[in-house]
C-alpha atoms as a PDB file:
ATOM      1  CA  UNK A   1    -114.825  33.153 -31.406  1.00  0.00           C
ATOM      2  CA  UNK A   2    -113.653  31.474 -28.319  1.00  0.00           C
ATOM      3  CA  UNK A   3    -114.014  28.196 -30.080  1.00  0.00           C
ATOM      4  CA  UNK A   4    -111.911  29.480 -32.958  1.00  0.00           C
ATOM      5  CA  UNK A   5    -109.127  30.590 -30.639  1.00  0.00           C
ATOM      6  CA  UNK A   6    -109.089  27.221 -29.000  1.00  0.00           C
ATOM      7  CA  UNK A   7    -108.692  25.517 -32.352  1.00  0.00           C
ATOM      8  CA  UNK A   8    -105.841  27.832 -33.263  1.00  0.00           C
ATOM      9  CA  UNK A   9    -104.115  27.037 -29.958  1.00  0.00           C
ATOM     10  CA  UNK A  10    -104.485  23.340 -30.560  1.00  0.00           C
ATOM     11  CA  UNK A  11    -103.127  23.723 -34.067  1.00  0.00           C
ATOM     12  CA  UNK A  12    -100.121  25.675 -32.831  1.00  0.00           C
ATOM     13  CA  UNK A  13     -99.389  23.108 -30.186  1.00  0.00           C
ATOM     14  CA  UNK A  14     -99.600  20.349 -32.764  1.00  0.00           C
ATOM     15  CA  UNK A  15     -97.376  22.264 -35.128  1.00  0.00           C
ATOM     16  CA  UNK A  16     -94.851  22.798 -32.357  1.00  0.00           C
ATOM     17  CA  UNK A  17     -94.762  19.088 -31.769  1.00  0.00           C
ATOM     18  CA  UNK A  18     -93.874  18.519 -35.421  1.00  0.00           C
ATOM     19  CA  UNK A  19     -90.888  20.923 -35.400  1.00  0.00           C
ATOM     20  CA  UNK A  20     -87.583  18.930 -35.086  1.00  0.00           C
ATOM     21  CA  UNK A  21     -85.570  19.829 -32.046  1.00  0.00           C
ATOM     22  CA  UNK A  22     -81.837  19.426 -32.725  1.00  0.00           C
ATOM     23  CA  UNK A  23     -80.146  16.738 -30.684  1.00  0.00           C
ATOM     24  CA  UNK A  24     -77.754  17.798 -27.989  1.00  0.00           C
ATOM     25  CA  UNK A  25     -74.165  17.241 -29.265  1.00  0.00           C
ATOM     26  CA  UNK A  26     -72.528  14.311 -27.627  1.00  0.00           C
ATOM     27  CA  UNK A  27     -69.406  15.255 -25.711  1.00  0.00           C
ATOM     28  CA  UNK A  28     -66.080  14.372 -27.306  1.00  0.00           C
ATOM     29  CA  UNK A  29     -64.677  11.143 -25.945  1.00  0.00           C
ATOM     30  CA  UNK A  30     -61.122  11.795 -24.724  1.00  0.00           C
ATOM     31  CA  UNK A  31     -59.064   8.661 -24.458  1.00  0.00           C
ATOM     32  CA  UNK A  32     -57.069   8.790 -21.270  1.00  0.00           C
ATOM     33  CA  UNK A  33     -53.659   7.243 -21.862  1.00  0.00           C
ATOM     34  CA  UNK A  34     -51.919   6.270 -18.634  1.00  0.00           C
ATOM     35  CA  UNK A  35     -48.410   7.677 -18.282  1.00  0.00           C
ATOM     36  CA  UNK A  36     -45.619   5.244 -19.029  1.00  0.00           C
ATOM     37  CA  UNK A  37     -44.182   3.534 -16.010  1.00  0.00           C
ATOM     38  CA  UNK A  38     -41.065   5.259 -14.670  1.00  0.00           C
ATOM     39  CA  UNK A  39     -37.773   4.010 -15.953  1.00  0.00           C
ATOM     40  CA  UNK A  40     -36.194   1.722 -13.403  1.00  0.00           C
ATOM     41  CA  UNK A  41     -33.405   3.512 -11.567  1.00  0.00           C
ATOM     42  CA  UNK A  42     -30.053   2.155 -12.617  1.00  0.00           C
ATOM     43  CA  UNK A  43     -27.904   1.773  -9.571  1.00  0.00           C
ATOM     44  CA  UNK A  44     -24.270   1.438 -10.427  1.00  0.00           C
ATOM     45  CA  UNK A  45     -22.735  -1.313  -8.332  1.00  0.00           C
ATOM     46  CA  UNK A  46     -20.163  -0.184  -5.849  1.00  0.00           C
ATOM     47  CA  UNK A  47     -16.698  -1.010  -7.096  1.00  0.00           C
ATOM     48  CA  UNK A  48     -15.238  -3.832  -5.071  1.00  0.00           C
ATOM     49  CA  UNK A  49     -12.941  -2.647  -2.326  1.00  0.00           C
ATOM     50  CA  UNK A  50      -9.285  -3.515  -2.270  1.00  0.00           C
ATOM     51  CA  UNK A  51      -8.822  -7.089  -1.123  1.00  0.00           C
ATOM     52  CA  UNK A  52      -6.418  -7.004   1.791  1.00  0.00           C
ATOM     53  CA  UNK A  53      -6.651 -10.777   2.137  1.00  0.00           C
ATOM     54  CA  UNK A  54      -5.178 -11.407  -1.307  1.00  0.00           C
ATOM     55  CA  UNK A  55      -1.756 -12.359   0.078  1.00  0.00           C
ATOM     56  CA  UNK A  56      -0.524 -13.562   3.413  1.00  0.00           C
ATOM     57  CA  UNK A  57       0.937 -11.128   5.920  1.00  0.00           C
ATOM     58  CA  UNK A  58       2.422 -14.019   7.908  1.00  0.00           C
ATOM     59  CA  UNK A  59       4.259 -16.072   5.276  1.00  0.00           C
ATOM     60  CA  UNK A  60       7.848 -14.741   4.996  1.00  0.00           C
ATOM     61  CA  UNK A  61       7.780 -15.535   1.265  1.00  0.00           C
ATOM     62  CA  UNK A  62       4.803 -13.209   0.738  1.00  0.00           C
ATOM     63  CA  UNK A  63       5.377  -9.714  -0.663  1.00  0.00           C
ATOM     64  CA  UNK A  64       2.933  -8.464   1.966  1.00  0.00           C
ATOM     65  CA  UNK A  65       4.555 -10.063   5.006  1.00  0.00           C
ATOM     66  CA  UNK A  66       4.420  -7.712   7.988  1.00  0.00           C
ATOM     67  CA  UNK A  67       7.503  -7.812  10.181  1.00  0.00           C
ATOM     68  CA  UNK A  68       7.732  -5.708  13.317  1.00  0.00           C
ATOM     69  CA  UNK A  69       8.621  -5.930  17.003  1.00  0.00           C
ATOM     70  CA  UNK A  70       5.568  -8.100  17.659  1.00  0.00           C
ATOM     71  CA  UNK A  71       5.732 -10.131  14.457  1.00  0.00           C
ATOM     72  CA  UNK A  72       9.029 -12.007  13.993  1.00  0.00           C
ATOM     73  CA  UNK A  73       9.691 -13.999  10.877  1.00  0.00           C
ATOM     74  CA  UNK A  74       8.689 -17.660  10.957  1.00  0.00           C
ATOM     75  CA  UNK A  75      11.040 -19.414  10.836  1.00  0.00           C
ATOM     76  CA  UNK A  76      13.123 -16.892  12.728  1.00  0.00           C
ATOM     77  CA  UNK A  77      16.144 -17.567  10.502  1.00  0.00           C
ATOM     78  CA  UNK A  78      14.223 -17.323   7.226  1.00  0.00           C
ATOM     79  CA  UNK A  79      16.327 -16.796   4.086  1.00  0.00           C
ATOM     80  CA  UNK A  80      14.739 -16.033   0.676  1.00  0.00           C
ATOM     81  CA  UNK A  81      15.451 -18.461  -2.145  1.00  0.00           C
ATOM     82  CA  UNK A  82      15.346 -15.983  -5.040  1.00  0.00           C
ATOM     83  CA  UNK A  83      17.991 -13.392  -4.120  1.00  0.00           C
ATOM     84  CA  UNK A  84      19.691 -11.569  -6.975  1.00  0.00           C
ATOM     85  CA  UNK A  85      21.990  -8.557  -7.271  1.00  0.00           C
ATOM     86  CA  UNK A  86      20.239  -5.371  -8.482  1.00  0.00           C
ATOM     87  CA  UNK A  87      22.066  -3.487 -11.212  1.00  0.00           C
ATOM     88  CA  UNK A  88      22.106  -0.270  -9.176  1.00  0.00           C
ATOM     89  CA  UNK A  89      25.125   1.552  -7.699  1.00  0.00           C
ATOM     90  CA  UNK A  90      25.714   0.430  -4.127  1.00  0.00           C
ATOM     91  CA  UNK A  91      28.027   0.867  -1.202  1.00  0.00           C
ATOM     92  CA  UNK A  92      28.252  -2.946  -0.927  1.00  0.00           C
ATOM     93  CA  UNK A  93      27.271  -5.751  -3.260  1.00  0.00           C
ATOM     94  CA  UNK A  94      23.493  -5.750  -2.757  1.00  0.00           C
ATOM     95  CA  UNK A  95      21.063  -8.650  -2.783  1.00  0.00           C
ATOM     96  CA  UNK A  96      17.282  -8.488  -3.032  1.00  0.00           C
ATOM     97  CA  UNK A  97      14.466 -10.793  -4.017  1.00  0.00           C
ATOM     98  CA  UNK A  98      14.068 -10.951  -7.793  1.00  0.00           C
ATOM     99  CA  UNK A  99      10.816  -9.002  -8.110  1.00  0.00           C
ATOM    100  CA  UNK A 100      11.999  -6.274  -5.743  1.00  0.00           C
ATOM    101  CA  UNK A 101      15.335  -6.078  -7.546  1.00  0.00           C
ATOM    102  CA  UNK A 102      13.657  -5.632 -10.948  1.00  0.00           C
ATOM    103  CA  UNK A 103      11.425  -2.885  -9.554  1.00  0.00           C
ATOM    104  CA  UNK A 104      14.400  -1.133  -7.958  1.00  0.00           C
ATOM    105  CA  UNK A 105      16.245  -1.114 -11.276  1.00  0.00           C
ATOM    106  CA  UNK A 106      13.229   0.472 -12.970  1.00  0.00           C
ATOM    107  CA  UNK A 107      12.980   3.080 -10.226  1.00  0.00           C
ATOM    108  CA  UNK A 108      16.677   3.870 -10.500  1.00  0.00           C
ATOM    109  CA  UNK A 109      16.403   4.322 -14.277  1.00  0.00           C
ATOM    110  CA  UNK A 110      13.554   6.815 -13.921  1.00  0.00           C
ATOM    111  CA  UNK A 111      15.228   8.634 -11.040  1.00  0.00           C
ATOM    112  CA  UNK A 112      18.358   8.978 -13.148  1.00  0.00           C
ATOM    113  CA  UNK A 113      16.329  10.443 -16.010  1.00  0.00           C
ATOM    114  CA  UNK A 114      14.870  12.926 -13.526  1.00  0.00           C
ATOM    115  CA  UNK A 115      18.399  13.929 -12.469  1.00  0.00           C
ATOM    116  CA  UNK A 116      18.261  12.341  -9.014  1.00  0.00           C
ATOM    117  CA  UNK A 117      20.078   8.985  -9.170  1.00  0.00           C
ATOM    118  CA  UNK A 118      20.459   7.270  -5.820  1.00  0.00           C
ATOM    119  CA  UNK A 119      22.716   4.633  -4.335  1.00  0.00           C
ATOM    120  CA  UNK A 120      21.988   1.515  -2.298  1.00  0.00           C
ATOM    121  CA  UNK A 121      23.403   1.645   1.207  1.00  0.00           C
ATOM    122  CA  UNK A 122      22.160  -1.783   2.293  1.00  0.00           C
ATOM    123  CA  UNK A 123      19.611  -4.386   1.284  1.00  0.00           C
ATOM    124  CA  UNK A 124      19.286  -8.061   2.255  1.00  0.00           C
ATOM    125  CA  UNK A 125      20.860  -9.142   5.529  1.00  0.00           C
ATOM    126  CA  UNK A 126      20.793 -12.678   6.851  1.00  0.00           C
ATOM    127  CA  UNK A 127      19.830 -13.664  10.388  1.00  0.00           C
ATOM    128  CA  UNK A 128      23.463 -14.010  11.429  1.00  0.00           C
ATOM    129  CA  UNK A 129      24.451 -10.682   9.882  1.00  0.00           C
ATOM    130  CA  UNK A 130      21.570  -8.963  11.656  1.00  0.00           C
ATOM    131  CA  UNK A 131      22.782 -10.433  14.941  1.00  0.00           C
ATOM    132  CA  UNK A 132      26.111  -8.680  14.421  1.00  0.00           C
ATOM    133  CA  UNK A 133      24.422  -5.453  13.363  1.00  0.00           C
ATOM    134  CA  UNK A 134      22.271  -5.512  16.489  1.00  0.00           C
ATOM    135  CA  UNK A 135      25.190  -6.308  18.780  1.00  0.00           C
ATOM    136  CA  UNK A 136      27.145  -3.370  17.362  1.00  0.00           C
ATOM    137  CA  UNK A 137      24.142  -1.094  17.788  1.00  0.00           C
ATOM    138  CA  UNK A 138      23.560  -2.095  21.407  1.00  0.00           C
ATOM    139  CA  UNK A 139      27.270  -1.653  22.137  1.00  0.00           C
ATOM    140  CA  UNK A 140      27.208   1.907  20.772  1.00  0.00           C
ATOM    141  CA  UNK A 141      23.777   3.115  21.871  1.00  0.00           C
ATOM    142  CA  UNK A 142      22.579   0.916  24.708  1.00  0.00           C
ATOM    143  CA  UNK A 143      19.615  -1.436  24.542  1.00  0.00           C
ATOM    144  CA  UNK A 144      16.752   1.082  24.746  1.00  0.00           C
ATOM    145  CA  UNK A 145      18.087   3.531  22.174  1.00  0.00           C
ATOM    146  CA  UNK A 146      19.201   0.676  19.939  1.00  0.00           C
ATOM    147  CA  UNK A 147      15.697  -0.810  19.910  1.00  0.00           C
ATOM    148  CA  UNK A 148      14.410   2.439  18.422  1.00  0.00           C
ATOM    149  CA  UNK A 149      16.900   2.274  15.553  1.00  0.00           C
ATOM    150  CA  UNK A 150      17.938  -1.324  14.973  1.00  0.00           C
ATOM    151  CA  UNK A 151      15.846  -4.464  14.605  1.00  0.00           C
ATOM    152  CA  UNK A 152      16.686  -7.624  16.466  1.00  0.00           C
ATOM    153  CA  UNK A 153      17.645 -10.666  14.416  1.00  0.00           C
ATOM    154  CA  UNK A 154      14.531 -12.339  13.046  1.00  0.00           C
ATOM    155  CA  UNK A 155      12.535  -9.096  13.318  1.00  0.00           C
ATOM    156  CA  UNK A 156      14.187  -7.149  10.504  1.00  0.00           C
ATOM    157  CA  UNK A 157      12.599  -6.317   7.152  1.00  0.00           C
ATOM    158  CA  UNK A 158      16.052  -6.586   5.603  1.00  0.00           C
ATOM    159  CA  UNK A 159      15.973 -10.317   6.286  1.00  0.00           C
ATOM    160  CA  UNK A 160      12.963 -10.664   3.950  1.00  0.00           C
ATOM    161  CA  UNK A 161      14.982  -9.460   0.941  1.00  0.00           C
ATOM    162  CA  UNK A 162      12.280  -6.860   0.292  1.00  0.00           C
ATOM    163  CA  UNK A 163      13.797  -3.847   2.080  1.00  0.00           C
ATOM    164  CA  UNK A 164      16.467  -1.452   0.884  1.00  0.00           C
ATOM    165  CA  UNK A 165      18.176   1.559   2.423  1.00  0.00           C
ATOM    166  CA  UNK A 166      18.929   4.268  -0.147  1.00  0.00           C
ATOM    167  CA  UNK A 167      21.211   7.273  -0.046  1.00  0.00           C
ATOM    168  CA  UNK A 168      22.691   9.996  -2.234  1.00  0.00           C
ATOM    169  CA  UNK A 169      25.456   9.180  -4.732  1.00  0.00           C
ATOM    170  CA  UNK A 170      27.882  11.263  -2.677  1.00  0.00           C
ATOM    171  CA  UNK A 171      26.868   9.624   0.585  1.00  0.00           C
ATOM    172  CA  UNK A 172      25.544  12.899   2.022  1.00  0.00           C
ATOM    173  CA  UNK A 173      22.844  12.328   4.640  1.00  0.00           C
ATOM    174  CA  UNK A 174      23.391   8.562   4.597  1.00  0.00           C
ATOM    175  CA  UNK A 175      21.149   6.891   7.199  1.00  0.00           C
ATOM    176  CA  UNK A 176      20.225  10.335   8.527  1.00  0.00           C
ATOM    177  CA  UNK A 177      16.891  12.130   8.733  1.00  0.00           C
ATOM    178  CA  UNK A 178      18.318  14.897   6.540  1.00  0.00           C
ATOM    179  CA  UNK A 179      18.016  12.477   3.607  1.00  0.00           C
ATOM    180  CA  UNK A 180      14.323  13.445   3.507  1.00  0.00           C
ATOM    181  CA  UNK A 181      15.306  16.958   2.388  1.00  0.00           C
ATOM    182  CA  UNK A 182      17.728  15.941  -0.354  1.00  0.00           C
ATOM    183  CA  UNK A 183      16.547  15.929  -3.989  1.00  0.00           C
ATOM    184  CA  UNK A 184      16.924  12.143  -4.004  1.00  0.00           C
ATOM    185  CA  UNK A 185      14.924  11.709  -0.809  1.00  0.00           C
ATOM    186  CA  UNK A 186      12.155  14.019  -1.972  1.00  0.00           C
ATOM    187  CA  UNK A 187      11.861  12.272  -5.337  1.00  0.00           C
ATOM    188  CA  UNK A 188      11.761   8.841  -3.728  1.00  0.00           C
ATOM    189  CA  UNK A 189       9.135   9.864  -1.171  1.00  0.00           C
ATOM    190  CA  UNK A 190       6.902  11.164  -3.972  1.00  0.00           C
ATOM    191  CA  UNK A 191       7.460   8.421  -6.552  1.00  0.00           C
ATOM    192  CA  UNK A 192       8.508   5.143  -4.925  1.00  0.00           C
ATOM    193  CA  UNK A 193       4.903   3.900  -4.718  1.00  0.00           C
ATOM    194  CA  UNK A 194       4.702   3.828  -8.519  1.00  0.00           C
ATOM    195  CA  UNK A 195       7.332   1.086  -8.500  1.00  0.00           C
ATOM    196  CA  UNK A 196       5.835  -0.938  -5.643  1.00  0.00           C
ATOM    197  CA  UNK A 197       7.878   0.533  -2.781  1.00  0.00           C
ATOM    198  CA  UNK A 198       6.617   2.291   0.337  1.00  0.00           C
ATOM    199  CA  UNK A 199       8.403   4.478   2.846  1.00  0.00           C
ATOM    200  CA  UNK A 200       8.054   2.085   5.742  1.00  0.00           C
ATOM    201  CA  UNK A 201       9.050   4.069   8.837  1.00  0.00           C
ATOM    202  CA  UNK A 202       7.158   7.331   8.532  1.00  0.00           C
ATOM    203  CA  UNK A 203       7.728  10.454  10.572  1.00  0.00           C
ATOM    204  CA  UNK A 204       5.441  10.807  13.574  1.00  0.00           C
ATOM    205  CA  UNK A 205       4.400   7.127  13.558  1.00  0.00           C
ATOM    206  CA  UNK A 206       7.083   5.685  15.845  1.00  0.00           C
ATOM    207  CA  UNK A 207       4.424   4.705  18.370  1.00  0.00           C
ATOM    208  CA  UNK A 208       2.944   2.452  15.683  1.00  0.00           C
ATOM    209  CA  UNK A 209       5.841   1.005  13.685  1.00  0.00           C
ATOM    210  CA  UNK A 210       8.357   1.147  16.528  1.00  0.00           C
ATOM    211  CA  UNK A 211      11.312   2.981  14.952  1.00  0.00           C
ATOM    212  CA  UNK A 212      12.615   6.500  14.488  1.00  0.00           C
ATOM    213  CA  UNK A 213      11.809   8.270  11.230  1.00  0.00           C
ATOM    214  CA  UNK A 214      13.811   6.571   8.465  1.00  0.00           C
ATOM    215  CA  UNK A 215      13.378   8.428   5.152  1.00  0.00           C
ATOM    216  CA  UNK A 216      15.961   6.105   3.588  1.00  0.00           C
ATOM    217  CA  UNK A 217      14.224   2.767   4.299  1.00  0.00           C
ATOM    218  CA  UNK A 218      11.977   1.557   1.484  1.00  0.00           C
ATOM    219  CA  UNK A 219      10.030  -1.679   1.523  1.00  0.00           C
ATOM    220  CA  UNK A 220       8.791  -3.488  -1.579  1.00  0.00           C
ATOM    221  CA  UNK A 221       5.146  -4.607  -1.331  1.00  0.00           C
ATOM    222  CA  UNK A 222       4.260  -4.741  -5.038  1.00  0.00           C
ATOM    223  CA  UNK A 223       2.586  -2.100  -7.210  1.00  0.00           C
ATOM    224  CA  UNK A 224      -1.023  -2.931  -6.269  1.00  0.00           C
ATOM    225  CA  UNK A 225      -0.606  -2.589  -2.522  1.00  0.00           C
ATOM    226  CA  UNK A 226       1.765   0.361  -2.855  1.00  0.00           C
ATOM    227  CA  UNK A 227      -0.851   2.218  -4.911  1.00  0.00           C
ATOM    228  CA  UNK A 228      -3.580   1.414  -2.379  1.00  0.00           C
ATOM    229  CA  UNK A 229      -1.413   2.716   0.460  1.00  0.00           C
ATOM    230  CA  UNK A 230      -0.723   5.869  -1.568  1.00  0.00           C
ATOM    231  CA  UNK A 231      -4.451   6.400  -2.229  1.00  0.00           C
ATOM    232  CA  UNK A 232      -5.267   5.939   1.452  1.00  0.00           C
ATOM    233  CA  UNK A 233      -2.806   8.638   2.523  1.00  0.00           C
ATOM    234  CA  UNK A 234       0.114   6.391   3.477  1.00  0.00           C
ATOM    235  CA  UNK A 235      -1.026   4.435   6.499  1.00  0.00           C
ATOM    236  CA  UNK A 236       1.552   2.143   8.049  1.00  0.00           C
ATOM    237  CA  UNK A 237       1.271  -1.564   7.324  1.00  0.00           C
ATOM    238  CA  UNK A 238       0.102  -1.977  10.912  1.00  0.00           C
ATOM    239  CA  UNK A 239      -2.744   0.491  10.374  1.00  0.00           C
ATOM    240  CA  UNK A 240      -3.650  -0.842   6.937  1.00  0.00           C
ATOM    241  CA  UNK A 241      -4.032  -4.451   8.091  1.00  0.00           C
ATOM    242  CA  UNK A 242      -5.551  -3.555  11.468  1.00  0.00           C
ATOM    243  CA  UNK A 243      -2.726  -5.128  13.428  1.00  0.00           C
ATOM    244  CA  UNK A 244      -2.371  -2.531  16.131  1.00  0.00           C
ATOM    245  CA  UNK A 245       0.771  -0.691  17.219  1.00  0.00           C
ATOM    246  CA  UNK A 246       4.095  -2.471  17.701  1.00  0.00           C
ATOM    247  CA  UNK A 247       6.271   0.058  19.546  1.00  0.00           C
ATOM    248  CA  UNK A 248       8.211  -2.410  21.697  1.00  0.00           C
ATOM    249  CA  UNK A 249       9.295  -6.039  21.856  1.00  0.00           C
ATOM    250  CA  UNK A 250       7.413  -8.478  24.054  1.00  0.00           C
ATOM    251  CA  UNK A 251       9.032 -11.503  25.691  1.00  0.00           C
ATOM    252  CA  UNK A 252      12.161 -11.234  23.558  1.00  0.00           C
ATOM    253  CA  UNK A 253      15.558 -11.681  25.183  1.00  0.00           C
ATOM    254  CA  UNK A 254      17.943  -8.756  25.191  1.00  0.00           C
ATOM    255  CA  UNK A 255      19.748  -8.467  21.866  1.00  0.00           C
ATOM    256  CA  UNK A 256      17.203 -10.390  19.816  1.00  0.00           C
ATOM    257  CA  UNK A 257      15.344 -13.637  19.502  1.00  0.00           C
ATOM    258  CA  UNK A 258      16.940 -16.906  20.560  1.00  0.00           C
ATOM    259  CA  UNK A 259      19.267 -18.350  17.964  1.00  0.00           C
ATOM    260  CA  UNK A 260      17.682 -21.319  16.178  1.00  0.00           C
ATOM    261  CA  UNK A 261      19.234 -24.670  16.938  1.00  0.00           C
ATOM    262  CA  UNK A 262      19.810 -25.397  13.275  1.00  0.00           C
ATOM    263  CA  UNK A 263      20.007 -22.062  11.422  1.00  0.00           C
ATOM    264  CA  UNK A 264      19.238 -22.023   7.735  1.00  0.00           C
ATOM    265  CA  UNK A 265      22.340 -21.517   5.630  1.00  0.00           C
ATOM    266  CA  UNK A 266      22.824 -18.143   4.052  1.00  0.00           C
ATOM    267  CA  UNK A 267      22.223 -18.080   0.298  1.00  0.00           C
ATOM    268  CA  UNK A 268      25.320 -19.027  -1.659  1.00  0.00           C
ATOM    269  CA  UNK A 269      27.149 -16.205  -3.365  1.00  0.00           C
ATOM    270  CA  UNK A 270      29.816 -16.299  -6.032  1.00  0.00           C
ATOM    271  CA  UNK A 271      30.754 -12.687  -5.355  1.00  0.00           C
ATOM    272  CA  UNK A 272      34.207 -12.151  -3.924  1.00  0.00           C
ATOM    273  CA  UNK A 273      34.281 -10.598  -0.458  1.00  0.00           C
ATOM    274  CA  UNK A 274      34.899  -6.861  -0.479  1.00  0.00           C
ATOM    275  CA  UNK A 275      36.529  -4.706   2.197  1.00  0.00           C
ATOM    276  CA  UNK A 276      34.190  -4.441   5.150  1.00  0.00           C
ATOM    277  CA  UNK A 277      32.561  -7.804   4.440  1.00  0.00           C
ATOM    278  CA  UNK A 278      32.646 -11.009   6.391  1.00  0.00           C
ATOM    279  CA  UNK A 279      33.810 -14.337   4.979  1.00  0.00           C
ATOM    280  CA  UNK A 280      30.411 -15.004   3.396  1.00  0.00           C
ATOM    281  CA  UNK A 281      30.579 -11.804   1.357  1.00  0.00           C
ATOM    282  CA  UNK A 282      28.068  -9.929   3.520  1.00  0.00           C
ATOM    283  CA  UNK A 283      28.714  -6.426   4.841  1.00  0.00           C
ATOM    284  CA  UNK A 284      29.005  -5.991   8.577  1.00  0.00           C
ATOM    285  CA  UNK A 285      27.040  -2.681   8.503  1.00  0.00           C
ATOM    286  CA  UNK A 286      28.424  -1.414  11.807  1.00  0.00           C
ATOM    287  CA  UNK A 287      26.431   1.803  11.537  1.00  0.00           C
ATOM    288  CA  UNK A 288      23.313   0.584   9.767  1.00  0.00           C
ATOM    289  CA  UNK A 289      20.371   1.306  12.067  1.00  0.00           C
ATOM    290  CA  UNK A 290      17.752  -1.157  10.974  1.00  0.00           C
END
């Protein structure tokens, strides 16, 4: 019996060995795909800054020339070669450099359309005319007060042919701070930059540019620089070019710079002299401050 049980056990064991045991399922193979490399960051290049070295600030023929109490014209008796008469109403026959004259005519046309036409009070003045203007100013005001209102010969923006003094058609507030509050003055202060002009002698900057507030005095610098000055909040030319303040003259004789030994001739003019003009057809401007 025992023997029989042993045989049965052996048979069962053998039978168990013949039963197929299912294979363990192989795990799914997951292909690991690496993430794509990050897109390179596109860095927009900084727009180039405004090039303040594009034109000379020393050459009197340059539209960007800076003239102040520390920066006389060189030569001191400089006279532009391209003076023309702007077709704009004026107290005297005006002269300006061609590009400035064209821009002034465009500005006058738009101001007229806006209902605020203006008039030219003065524009180009030669070295010799500025000497007379300065002498009259010193005679009336004294040297110190005159130097705050009138440039010495060779130091005046008017001598460049790029500056113009503007007023109302009626003459109200001519060469007076109240011009800033006239419709013409307000329009010019807001719009002149679009035509390449800047208000040169700003209020509250006398310690930098050297003169009293002159809301009538506009200087042509060209549309590119005028726009840049507008975008920067209207710095003075001294501030813009990093020149430092020019509140007073240094080492200049009373009444202006020394007269040159051989002064350049004033530009020829075929315009007949008008009342108030000298023999060369230039106004004497006895009351013109700058």
